[in-house]
Amino acid sequence: MRKILSFIMLTFCASSSFADESFKDTILSGYKDRCVKVMSQKESEQAFISKVCNCEAEVIDENFTTFELIVTAGKHKSGLTPIDKEKINELKVKIKQCKS
């Protein structure tokens, strides 16, 4: 997931802000596209890939504020409160559930 997030952020961050709704839509679309590409290298069933990637994008959409924390905090999660770290872990669990 970290590689997908990094790719999306590097691709789209330069020209937008998180508050911009079209930016959010672009991030979610980019996430789904990248997810499909990555999963297609490991999984052959397109219906499963589509289901998982749509589910993950929906989870991120519903928890976009927490998703922003993941992106802005970086790898070391410096400056995050324990509550923020808990929210991030809960989001990661929800995303992983999409694959089951």
PDB file of N, CA and C in Angstrom:
ATOM      1  N   MET A   1       0.826  -1.184   0.000  1.00  0.00           N
ATOM      2  CA  MET A   1       0.000   0.000   0.000  1.00  0.00           C
ATOM      3  C   MET A   1       0.878   1.259   0.000  1.00  0.00           C
ATOM      4  N   ARG A   2       1.977   1.245   0.699  1.00  0.00           N
ATOM      5  CA  ARG A   2       2.856   2.411   0.790  1.00  0.00           C
ATOM      6  C   ARG A   2       3.328   2.827  -0.597  1.00  0.00           C
ATOM      7  N   LYS A   3       3.710   1.852  -1.440  1.00  0.00           N
ATOM      8  CA  LYS A   3       4.189   2.172  -2.788  1.00  0.00           C
ATOM      9  C   LYS A   3       3.097   2.817  -3.623  1.00  0.00           C
ATOM     10  N   ILE A   4       1.880   2.304  -3.500  1.00  0.00           N
ATOM     11  CA  ILE A   4       0.756   2.879  -4.253  1.00  0.00           C
ATOM     12  C   ILE A   4       0.513   4.311  -3.807  1.00  0.00           C
ATOM     13  N   LEU A   5       0.490   4.538  -2.492  1.00  0.00           N
ATOM     14  CA  LEU A   5       0.253   5.889  -1.969  1.00  0.00           C
ATOM     15  C   LEU A   5       1.342   6.849  -2.422  1.00  0.00           C
ATOM     16  N   SER A   6       2.580   6.413  -2.348  1.00  0.00           N
ATOM     17  CA  SER A   6       3.691   7.274  -2.756  1.00  0.00           C
ATOM     18  C   SER A   6       3.587   7.651  -4.222  1.00  0.00           C
ATOM     19  N   PHE A   7       3.288   6.678  -5.058  1.00  0.00           N
ATOM     20  CA  PHE A   7       3.153   6.940  -6.484  1.00  0.00           C
ATOM     21  C   PHE A   7       2.063   7.971  -6.749  1.00  0.00           C
ATOM     22  N   ILE A   8       0.915   7.760  -6.141  1.00  0.00           N
ATOM     23  CA  ILE A   8      -0.210   8.672  -6.356  1.00  0.00           C
ATOM     24  C   ILE A   8       0.132  10.076  -5.881  1.00  0.00           C
ATOM     25  N   MET A   9       0.721  10.177  -4.717  1.00  0.00           N
ATOM     26  CA  MET A   9       1.019  11.495  -4.167  1.00  0.00           C
ATOM     27  C   MET A   9       2.079  12.216  -4.994  1.00  0.00           C
ATOM     28  N   LEU A  10       3.083  11.519  -5.424  1.00  0.00           N
ATOM     29  CA  LEU A  10       4.103  12.150  -6.252  1.00  0.00           C
ATOM     30  C   LEU A  10       3.528  12.620  -7.582  1.00  0.00           C
ATOM     31  N   THR A  11       2.577  11.864  -8.092  1.00  0.00           N
ATOM     32  CA  THR A  11       1.979  12.185  -9.374  1.00  0.00           C
ATOM     33  C   THR A  11       1.058  13.395  -9.296  1.00  0.00           C
ATOM     34  N   PHE A  12       0.305  13.519  -8.216  1.00  0.00           N
ATOM     35  CA  PHE A  12      -0.756  14.517  -8.176  1.00  0.00           C
ATOM     36  C   PHE A  12      -0.558  15.673  -7.195  1.00  0.00           C
ATOM     37  N   CYS A  13       0.326  15.570  -6.243  1.00  0.00           N
ATOM     38  CA  CYS A  13       0.439  16.596  -5.203  1.00  0.00           C
ATOM     39  C   CYS A  13       0.940  17.943  -5.695  1.00  0.00           C
ATOM     40  N   ALA A  14       1.758  17.963  -6.665  1.00  0.00           N
ATOM     41  CA  ALA A  14       2.401  19.206  -7.086  1.00  0.00           C
ATOM     42  C   ALA A  14       1.413  20.292  -7.492  1.00  0.00           C
ATOM     43  N   SER A  15       0.259  19.917  -8.008  1.00  0.00           N
ATOM     44  CA  SER A  15      -0.634  20.931  -8.556  1.00  0.00           C
ATOM     45  C   SER A  15      -1.951  21.089  -7.813  1.00  0.00           C
ATOM     46  N   SER A  16      -2.145  20.421  -6.687  1.00  0.00           N
ATOM     47  CA  SER A  16      -3.436  20.464  -6.024  1.00  0.00           C
ATOM     48  C   SER A  16      -3.278  20.556  -4.517  1.00  0.00           C
ATOM     49  N   SER A  17      -4.434  20.761  -3.857  1.00  0.00           N
ATOM     50  CA  SER A  17      -4.455  20.738  -2.397  1.00  0.00           C
ATOM     51  C   SER A  17      -5.468  19.704  -1.949  1.00  0.00           C
ATOM     52  N   PHE A  18      -5.295  19.186  -0.735  1.00  0.00           N
ATOM     53  CA  PHE A  18      -6.188  18.156  -0.223  1.00  0.00           C
ATOM     54  C   PHE A  18      -7.625  18.637  -0.105  1.00  0.00           C
ATOM     55  N   ALA A  19      -7.831  19.910   0.127  1.00  0.00           N
ATOM     56  CA  ALA A  19      -9.179  20.426   0.314  1.00  0.00           C
ATOM     57  C   ALA A  19      -9.985  20.436  -0.980  1.00  0.00           C
ATOM     58  N   ASP A  20      -9.343  20.375  -2.098  1.00  0.00           N
ATOM     59  CA  ASP A  20      -9.985  20.434  -3.402  1.00  0.00           C
ATOM     60  C   ASP A  20     -10.670  19.096  -3.699  1.00  0.00           C
ATOM     61  N   GLU A  21     -12.003  19.119  -3.888  1.00  0.00           N
ATOM     62  CA  GLU A  21     -12.770  17.894  -4.130  1.00  0.00           C
ATOM     63  C   GLU A  21     -12.322  17.183  -5.397  1.00  0.00           C
ATOM     64  N   SER A  22     -11.983  17.928  -6.441  1.00  0.00           N
ATOM     65  CA  SER A  22     -11.515  17.275  -7.662  1.00  0.00           C
ATOM     66  C   SER A  22     -10.169  16.587  -7.428  1.00  0.00           C
ATOM     67  N   PHE A  23      -9.377  17.132  -6.545  1.00  0.00           N
ATOM     68  CA  PHE A  23      -8.115  16.489  -6.175  1.00  0.00           C
ATOM     69  C   PHE A  23      -8.400  15.145  -5.503  1.00  0.00           C
ATOM     70  N   LYS A  24      -9.369  15.141  -4.602  1.00  0.00           N
ATOM     71  CA  LYS A  24      -9.747  13.906  -3.922  1.00  0.00           C
ATOM     72  C   LYS A  24     -10.203  12.868  -4.941  1.00  0.00           C
ATOM     73  N   ASP A  25     -11.039  13.272  -5.874  1.00  0.00           N
ATOM     74  CA  ASP A  25     -11.512  12.360  -6.915  1.00  0.00           C
ATOM     75  C   ASP A  25     -10.355  11.836  -7.755  1.00  0.00           C
ATOM     76  N   THR A  26      -9.405  12.702  -8.057  1.00  0.00           N
ATOM     77  CA  THR A  26      -8.227  12.309  -8.834  1.00  0.00           C
ATOM     78  C   THR A  26      -7.389  11.300  -8.060  1.00  0.00           C
ATOM     79  N   ILE A  27      -7.213  11.546  -6.768  1.00  0.00           N
ATOM     80  CA  ILE A  27      -6.454  10.617  -5.926  1.00  0.00           C
ATOM     81  C   ILE A  27      -7.128   9.249  -5.903  1.00  0.00           C
ATOM     82  N   LEU A  28      -8.435   9.237  -5.700  1.00  0.00           N
ATOM     83  CA  LEU A  28      -9.156   7.967  -5.634  1.00  0.00           C
ATOM     84  C   LEU A  28      -9.107   7.221  -6.967  1.00  0.00           C
ATOM     85  N   SER A  29      -9.252   7.945  -8.047  1.00  0.00           N
ATOM     86  CA  SER A  29      -9.171   7.335  -9.377  1.00  0.00           C
ATOM     87  C   SER A  29      -7.767   6.790  -9.627  1.00  0.00           C
ATOM     88  N   GLY A  30      -6.763   7.580  -9.276  1.00  0.00           N
ATOM     89  CA  GLY A  30      -5.379   7.144  -9.429  1.00  0.00           C
ATOM     90  C   GLY A  30      -5.068   5.935  -8.563  1.00  0.00           C
ATOM     91  N   TYR A  31      -5.642   5.925  -7.367  1.00  0.00           N
ATOM     92  CA  TYR A  31      -5.443   4.793  -6.468  1.00  0.00           C
ATOM     93  C   TYR A  31      -6.009   3.520  -7.100  1.00  0.00           C
ATOM     94  N   LYS A  32      -7.245   3.619  -7.614  1.00  0.00           N
ATOM     95  CA  LYS A  32      -7.872   2.444  -8.232  1.00  0.00           C
ATOM     96  C   LYS A  32      -7.068   1.961  -9.436  1.00  0.00           C
ATOM     97  N   ASP A  33      -6.635   2.890 -10.280  1.00  0.00           N
ATOM     98  CA  ASP A  33      -5.853   2.516 -11.465  1.00  0.00           C
ATOM     99  C   ASP A  33      -4.563   1.801 -11.074  1.00  0.00           C
ATOM    100  N   ARG A  34      -3.878   2.355 -10.106  1.00  0.00           N
ATOM    101  CA  ARG A  34      -2.609   1.765  -9.655  1.00  0.00           C
ATOM    102  C   ARG A  34      -2.852   0.415  -8.975  1.00  0.00           C
ATOM    103  N   CYS A  35      -3.911   0.337  -8.196  1.00  0.00           N
ATOM    104  CA  CYS A  35      -4.273  -0.915  -7.534  1.00  0.00           C
ATOM    105  C   CYS A  35      -4.501  -2.013  -8.567  1.00  0.00           C
ATOM    106  N   VAL A  36      -5.264  -1.705  -9.600  1.00  0.00           N
ATOM    107  CA  VAL A  36      -5.541  -2.683 -10.661  1.00  0.00           C
ATOM    108  C   VAL A  36      -4.233  -3.118 -11.323  1.00  0.00           C
ATOM    109  N   LYS A  37      -3.369  -2.173 -11.592  1.00  0.00           N
ATOM    110  CA  LYS A  37      -2.100  -2.500 -12.245  1.00  0.00           C
ATOM    111  C   LYS A  37      -1.246  -3.421 -11.363  1.00  0.00           C
ATOM    112  N   VAL A  38      -1.140  -3.089 -10.092  1.00  0.00           N
ATOM    113  CA  VAL A  38      -0.319  -3.879  -9.170  1.00  0.00           C
ATOM    114  C   VAL A  38      -0.929  -5.262  -8.959  1.00  0.00           C
ATOM    115  N   MET A  39      -2.242  -5.309  -8.731  1.00  0.00           N
ATOM    116  CA  MET A  39      -2.885  -6.600  -8.487  1.00  0.00           C
ATOM    117  C   MET A  39      -2.888  -7.486  -9.728  1.00  0.00           C
ATOM    118  N   SER A  40      -2.933  -6.891 -10.904  1.00  0.00           N
ATOM    119  CA  SER A  40      -2.935  -7.672 -12.142  1.00  0.00           C
ATOM    120  C   SER A  40      -1.636  -8.448 -12.325  1.00  0.00           C
ATOM    121  N   GLN A  41      -0.580  -7.988 -11.704  1.00  0.00           N
ATOM    122  CA  GLN A  41       0.695  -8.690 -11.775  1.00  0.00           C
ATOM    123  C   GLN A  41       0.704  -9.940 -10.893  1.00  0.00           C
ATOM    124  N   LYS A  42      -0.224  -9.987  -9.912  1.00  0.00           N
ATOM    125  CA  LYS A  42      -0.240 -11.100  -8.963  1.00  0.00           C
ATOM    126  C   LYS A  42      -1.499 -11.963  -9.085  1.00  0.00           C
ATOM    127  N   GLU A  43      -2.552 -11.394  -9.562  1.00  0.00           N
ATOM    128  CA  GLU A  43      -3.868 -12.041  -9.588  1.00  0.00           C
ATOM    129  C   GLU A  43      -4.411 -11.992 -11.007  1.00  0.00           C
ATOM    130  N   SER A  44      -5.026 -13.084 -11.452  1.00  0.00           N
ATOM    131  CA  SER A  44      -5.505 -13.104 -12.832  1.00  0.00           C
ATOM    132  C   SER A  44      -7.002 -12.855 -12.966  1.00  0.00           C
ATOM    133  N   GLU A  45      -7.758 -13.028 -11.917  1.00  0.00           N
ATOM    134  CA  GLU A  45      -9.207 -12.888 -11.997  1.00  0.00           C
ATOM    135  C   GLU A  45      -9.615 -11.412 -11.919  1.00  0.00           C
ATOM    136  N   GLN A  46     -10.036 -10.872 -13.055  1.00  0.00           N
ATOM    137  CA  GLN A  46     -10.368  -9.443 -13.160  1.00  0.00           C
ATOM    138  C   GLN A  46     -11.507  -9.022 -12.237  1.00  0.00           C
ATOM    139  N   ALA A  47     -12.493  -9.893 -12.058  1.00  0.00           N
ATOM    140  CA  ALA A  47     -13.626  -9.550 -11.186  1.00  0.00           C
ATOM    141  C   ALA A  47     -13.154  -9.338  -9.749  1.00  0.00           C
ATOM    142  N   PHE A  48     -12.243 -10.204  -9.294  1.00  0.00           N
ATOM    143  CA  PHE A  48     -11.698 -10.075  -7.944  1.00  0.00           C
ATOM    144  C   PHE A  48     -10.876  -8.796  -7.818  1.00  0.00           C
ATOM    145  N   ILE A  49     -10.037  -8.533  -8.807  1.00  0.00           N
ATOM    146  CA  ILE A  49      -9.204  -7.324  -8.804  1.00  0.00           C
ATOM    147  C   ILE A  49     -10.084  -6.085  -8.736  1.00  0.00           C
ATOM    148  N   SER A  50     -11.095  -6.043  -9.561  1.00  0.00           N
ATOM    149  CA  SER A  50     -11.994  -4.893  -9.587  1.00  0.00           C
ATOM    150  C   SER A  50     -12.702  -4.716  -8.245  1.00  0.00           C
ATOM    151  N   LYS A  51     -13.175  -5.819  -7.679  1.00  0.00           N
ATOM    152  CA  LYS A  51     -13.867  -5.781  -6.389  1.00  0.00           C
ATOM    153  C   LYS A  51     -12.953  -5.226  -5.302  1.00  0.00           C
ATOM    154  N   VAL A  52     -11.738  -5.743  -5.238  1.00  0.00           N
ATOM    155  CA  VAL A  52     -10.795  -5.319  -4.202  1.00  0.00           C
ATOM    156  C   VAL A  52     -10.428  -3.843  -4.370  1.00  0.00           C
ATOM    157  N   CYS A  53     -10.082  -3.445  -5.577  1.00  0.00           N
ATOM    158  CA  CYS A  53      -9.645  -2.058  -5.801  1.00  0.00           C
ATOM    159  C   CYS A  53     -10.775  -1.059  -5.568  1.00  0.00           C
ATOM    160  N   ASN A  54     -11.987  -1.407  -5.991  1.00  0.00           N
ATOM    161  CA  ASN A  54     -13.129  -0.532  -5.725  1.00  0.00           C
ATOM    162  C   ASN A  54     -13.409  -0.440  -4.230  1.00  0.00           C
ATOM    163  N   CYS A  55     -13.316  -1.556  -3.539  1.00  0.00           N
ATOM    164  CA  CYS A  55     -13.521  -1.575  -2.093  1.00  0.00           C
ATOM    165  C   CYS A  55     -12.486  -0.707  -1.384  1.00  0.00           C
ATOM    166  N   GLU A  56     -11.220  -0.874  -1.734  1.00  0.00           N
ATOM    167  CA  GLU A  56     -10.155  -0.083  -1.101  1.00  0.00           C
ATOM    168  C   GLU A  56     -10.361   1.410  -1.352  1.00  0.00           C
ATOM    169  N   ALA A  57     -10.701   1.770  -2.577  1.00  0.00           N
ATOM    170  CA  ALA A  57     -10.935   3.186  -2.893  1.00  0.00           C
ATOM    171  C   ALA A  57     -12.131   3.732  -2.117  1.00  0.00           C
ATOM    172  N   GLU A  58     -13.157   2.917  -1.951  1.00  0.00           N
ATOM    173  CA  GLU A  58     -14.325   3.343  -1.185  1.00  0.00           C
ATOM    174  C   GLU A  58     -13.975   3.546   0.286  1.00  0.00           C
ATOM    175  N   VAL A  59     -13.177   2.639   0.840  1.00  0.00           N
ATOM    176  CA  VAL A  59     -12.737   2.770   2.233  1.00  0.00           C
ATOM    177  C   VAL A  59     -11.918   4.051   2.401  1.00  0.00           C
ATOM    178  N   ILE A  60     -11.034   4.312   1.466  1.00  0.00           N
ATOM    179  CA  ILE A  60     -10.228   5.533   1.532  1.00  0.00           C
ATOM    180  C   ILE A  60     -11.119   6.768   1.415  1.00  0.00           C
ATOM    181  N   ASP A  61     -12.087   6.724   0.508  1.00  0.00           N
ATOM    182  CA  ASP A  61     -13.012   7.847   0.345  1.00  0.00           C
ATOM    183  C   ASP A  61     -13.756   8.132   1.644  1.00  0.00           C
ATOM    184  N   GLU A  62     -14.235   7.081   2.293  1.00  0.00           N
ATOM    185  CA  GLU A  62     -14.982   7.230   3.550  1.00  0.00           C
ATOM    186  C   GLU A  62     -14.098   7.688   4.706  1.00  0.00           C
ATOM    187  N   ASN A  63     -12.810   7.502   4.567  1.00  0.00           N
ATOM    188  CA  ASN A  63     -11.859   7.837   5.643  1.00  0.00           C
ATOM    189  C   ASN A  63     -10.751   8.741   5.109  1.00  0.00           C
ATOM    190  N   PHE A  64     -11.111   9.689   4.254  1.00  0.00           N
ATOM    191  CA  PHE A  64     -10.101  10.475   3.550  1.00  0.00           C
ATOM    192  C   PHE A  64      -9.242  11.321   4.496  1.00  0.00           C
ATOM    193  N   THR A  65      -9.815  11.805   5.565  1.00  0.00           N
ATOM    194  CA  THR A  65      -9.038  12.589   6.532  1.00  0.00           C
ATOM    195  C   THR A  65      -7.922  11.739   7.134  1.00  0.00           C
ATOM    196  N   THR A  66      -8.228  10.505   7.448  1.00  0.00           N
ATOM    197  CA  THR A  66      -7.211   9.592   7.978  1.00  0.00           C
ATOM    198  C   THR A  66      -6.196   9.256   6.898  1.00  0.00           C
ATOM    199  N   PHE A  67      -6.656   9.077   5.674  1.00  0.00           N
ATOM    200  CA  PHE A  67      -5.761   8.829   4.551  1.00  0.00           C
ATOM    201  C   PHE A  67      -4.767   9.986   4.415  1.00  0.00           C
ATOM    202  N   GLU A  68      -5.246  11.214   4.581  1.00  0.00           N
ATOM    203  CA  GLU A  68      -4.358  12.377   4.533  1.00  0.00           C
ATOM    204  C   GLU A  68      -3.277  12.288   5.604  1.00  0.00           C
ATOM    205  N   LEU A  69      -3.644  11.783   6.781  1.00  0.00           N
ATOM    206  CA  LEU A  69      -2.658  11.619   7.853  1.00  0.00           C
ATOM    207  C   LEU A  69      -1.548  10.667   7.432  1.00  0.00           C
ATOM    208  N   ILE A  70      -1.925   9.580   6.772  1.00  0.00           N
ATOM    209  CA  ILE A  70      -0.932   8.604   6.304  1.00  0.00           C
ATOM    210  C   ILE A  70       0.042   9.279   5.345  1.00  0.00           C
ATOM    211  N   VAL A  71      -0.506  10.029   4.429  1.00  0.00           N
ATOM    212  CA  VAL A  71       0.320  10.649   3.395  1.00  0.00           C
ATOM    213  C   VAL A  71       1.203  11.745   3.974  1.00  0.00           C
ATOM    214  N   THR A  72       0.631  12.598   4.795  1.00  0.00           N
ATOM    215  CA  THR A  72       1.386  13.747   5.293  1.00  0.00           C
ATOM    216  C   THR A  72       2.359  13.392   6.413  1.00  0.00           C
ATOM    217  N   ALA A  73       2.073  12.327   7.154  1.00  0.00           N
ATOM    218  CA  ALA A  73       2.942  11.959   8.271  1.00  0.00           C
ATOM    219  C   ALA A  73       4.232  11.304   7.813  1.00  0.00           C
ATOM    220  N   GLY A  74       4.203  10.717   6.648  1.00  0.00           N
ATOM    221  CA  GLY A  74       5.407  10.072   6.139  1.00  0.00           C
ATOM    222  C   GLY A  74       5.643   8.713   6.764  1.00  0.00           C
ATOM    223  N   LYS A  75       6.760   8.149   6.439  1.00  0.00           N
ATOM    224  CA  LYS A  75       7.091   6.787   6.844  1.00  0.00           C
ATOM    225  C   LYS A  75       7.214   6.629   8.357  1.00  0.00           C
ATOM    226  N   HIS A  76       7.731   7.634   9.030  1.00  0.00           N
ATOM    227  CA  HIS A  76       8.007   7.521  10.461  1.00  0.00           C
ATOM    228  C   HIS A  76       6.852   7.992  11.330  1.00  0.00           C
ATOM    229  N   LYS A  77       5.800   8.539  10.707  1.00  0.00           N
ATOM    230  CA  LYS A  77       4.611   8.998  11.418  1.00  0.00           C
ATOM    231  C   LYS A  77       4.947   9.986  12.539  1.00  0.00           C
ATOM    232  N   SER A  78       5.915  10.832  12.267  1.00  0.00           N
ATOM    233  CA  SER A  78       6.320  11.816  13.266  1.00  0.00           C
ATOM    234  C   SER A  78       5.227  12.861  13.460  1.00  0.00           C
ATOM    235  N   GLY A  79       5.035  13.271  14.679  1.00  0.00           N
ATOM    236  CA  GLY A  79       4.070  14.310  14.994  1.00  0.00           C
ATOM    237  C   GLY A  79       2.636  13.839  15.125  1.00  0.00           C
ATOM    238  N   LEU A  80       2.402  12.546  15.045  1.00  0.00           N
ATOM    239  CA  LEU A  80       1.045  12.031  15.167  1.00  0.00           C
ATOM    240  C   LEU A  80       0.702  11.749  16.622  1.00  0.00           C
ATOM    241  N   THR A  81      -0.534  12.014  16.967  1.00  0.00           N
ATOM    242  CA  THR A  81      -1.007  11.685  18.307  1.00  0.00           C
ATOM    243  C   THR A  81      -1.332  10.193  18.357  1.00  0.00           C
ATOM    244  N   PRO A  82      -1.426   9.631  19.543  1.00  0.00           N
ATOM    245  CA  PRO A  82      -1.826   8.221  19.644  1.00  0.00           C
ATOM    246  C   PRO A  82      -3.189   7.957  18.987  1.00  0.00           C
ATOM    247  N   ILE A  83      -4.090   8.910  19.062  1.00  0.00           N
ATOM    248  CA  ILE A  83      -5.403   8.754  18.430  1.00  0.00           C
ATOM    249  C   ILE A  83      -5.255   8.689  16.914  1.00  0.00           C
ATOM    250  N   ASP A  84      -4.401   9.560  16.352  1.00  0.00           N
ATOM    251  CA  ASP A  84      -4.159   9.538  14.903  1.00  0.00           C
ATOM    252  C   ASP A  84      -3.558   8.197  14.475  1.00  0.00           C
ATOM    253  N   LYS A  85      -2.610   7.703  15.253  1.00  0.00           N
ATOM    254  CA  LYS A  85      -1.984   6.410  14.931  1.00  0.00           C
ATOM    255  C   LYS A  85      -3.012   5.288  14.976  1.00  0.00           C
ATOM    256  N   GLU A  86      -3.922   5.364  15.932  1.00  0.00           N
ATOM    257  CA  GLU A  86      -4.979   4.365  16.036  1.00  0.00           C
ATOM    258  C   GLU A  86      -5.907   4.419  14.815  1.00  0.00           C
ATOM    259  N   LYS A  87      -6.258   5.641  14.398  1.00  0.00           N
ATOM    260  CA  LYS A  87      -7.106   5.810  13.215  1.00  0.00           C
ATOM    261  C   LYS A  87      -6.428   5.244  11.969  1.00  0.00           C
ATOM    262  N   ILE A  88      -5.141   5.490  11.839  1.00  0.00           N
ATOM    263  CA  ILE A  88      -4.382   4.971  10.694  1.00  0.00           C
ATOM    264  C   ILE A  88      -4.384   3.443  10.701  1.00  0.00           C
ATOM    265  N   ASN A  89      -4.146   2.862  11.865  1.00  0.00           N
ATOM    266  CA  ASN A  89      -4.148   1.396  11.949  1.00  0.00           C
ATOM    267  C   ASN A  89      -5.523   0.824  11.626  1.00  0.00           C
ATOM    268  N   GLU A  90      -6.581   1.493  12.084  1.00  0.00           N
ATOM    269  CA  GLU A  90      -7.942   1.036  11.772  1.00  0.00           C
ATOM    270  C   GLU A  90      -8.205   1.116  10.268  1.00  0.00           C
ATOM    271  N   LEU A  91      -7.727   2.176   9.624  1.00  0.00           N
ATOM    272  CA  LEU A  91      -7.900   2.309   8.176  1.00  0.00           C
ATOM    273  C   LEU A  91      -7.168   1.194   7.438  1.00  0.00           C
ATOM    274  N   LYS A  92      -5.964   0.891   7.864  1.00  0.00           N
ATOM    275  CA  LYS A  92      -5.197  -0.182   7.229  1.00  0.00           C
ATOM    276  C   LYS A  92      -5.910  -1.519   7.364  1.00  0.00           C
ATOM    277  N   VAL A  93      -6.518  -1.765   8.518  1.00  0.00           N
ATOM    278  CA  VAL A  93      -7.269  -3.006   8.728  1.00  0.00           C
ATOM    279  C   VAL A  93      -8.462  -3.063   7.778  1.00  0.00           C
ATOM    280  N   LYS A  94      -9.183  -1.956   7.656  1.00  0.00           N
ATOM    281  CA  LYS A  94     -10.338  -1.906   6.758  1.00  0.00           C
ATOM    282  C   LYS A  94      -9.928  -2.163   5.312  1.00  0.00           C
ATOM    283  N   ILE A  95      -8.804  -1.586   4.912  1.00  0.00           N
ATOM    284  CA  ILE A  95      -8.323  -1.792   3.542  1.00  0.00           C
ATOM    285  C   ILE A  95      -7.953  -3.250   3.326  1.00  0.00           C
ATOM    286  N   LYS A  96      -7.292  -3.868   4.301  1.00  0.00           N
ATOM    287  CA  LYS A  96      -6.914  -5.286   4.172  1.00  0.00           C
ATOM    288  C   LYS A  96      -8.139  -6.181   4.101  1.00  0.00           C
ATOM    289  N   GLN A  97      -9.225  -5.783   4.754  1.00  0.00           N
ATOM    290  CA  GLN A  97     -10.451  -6.586   4.729  1.00  0.00           C
ATOM    291  C   GLN A  97     -11.052  -6.667   3.329  1.00  0.00           C
ATOM    292  N   CYS A  98     -10.724  -5.731   2.470  1.00  0.00           N
ATOM    293  CA  CYS A  98     -11.237  -5.747   1.108  1.00  0.00           C
ATOM    294  C   CYS A  98     -10.771  -6.980   0.341  1.00  0.00           C
ATOM    295  N   LYS A  99      -9.657  -7.561   0.747  1.00  0.00           N
ATOM    296  CA  LYS A  99      -9.089  -8.715   0.044  1.00  0.00           C
ATOM    297  C   LYS A  99      -9.666 -10.027   0.524  1.00  0.00           C
ATOM    298  N   SER A 100     -10.525  -9.971   1.528  1.00  0.00           N
ATOM    299  CA  SER A 100     -11.088 -11.246   2.034  1.00  0.00           C
ATOM    300  C   SER A 100     -12.495 -11.464   1.536  1.00  0.00           C
TER     301      SER A 100
END
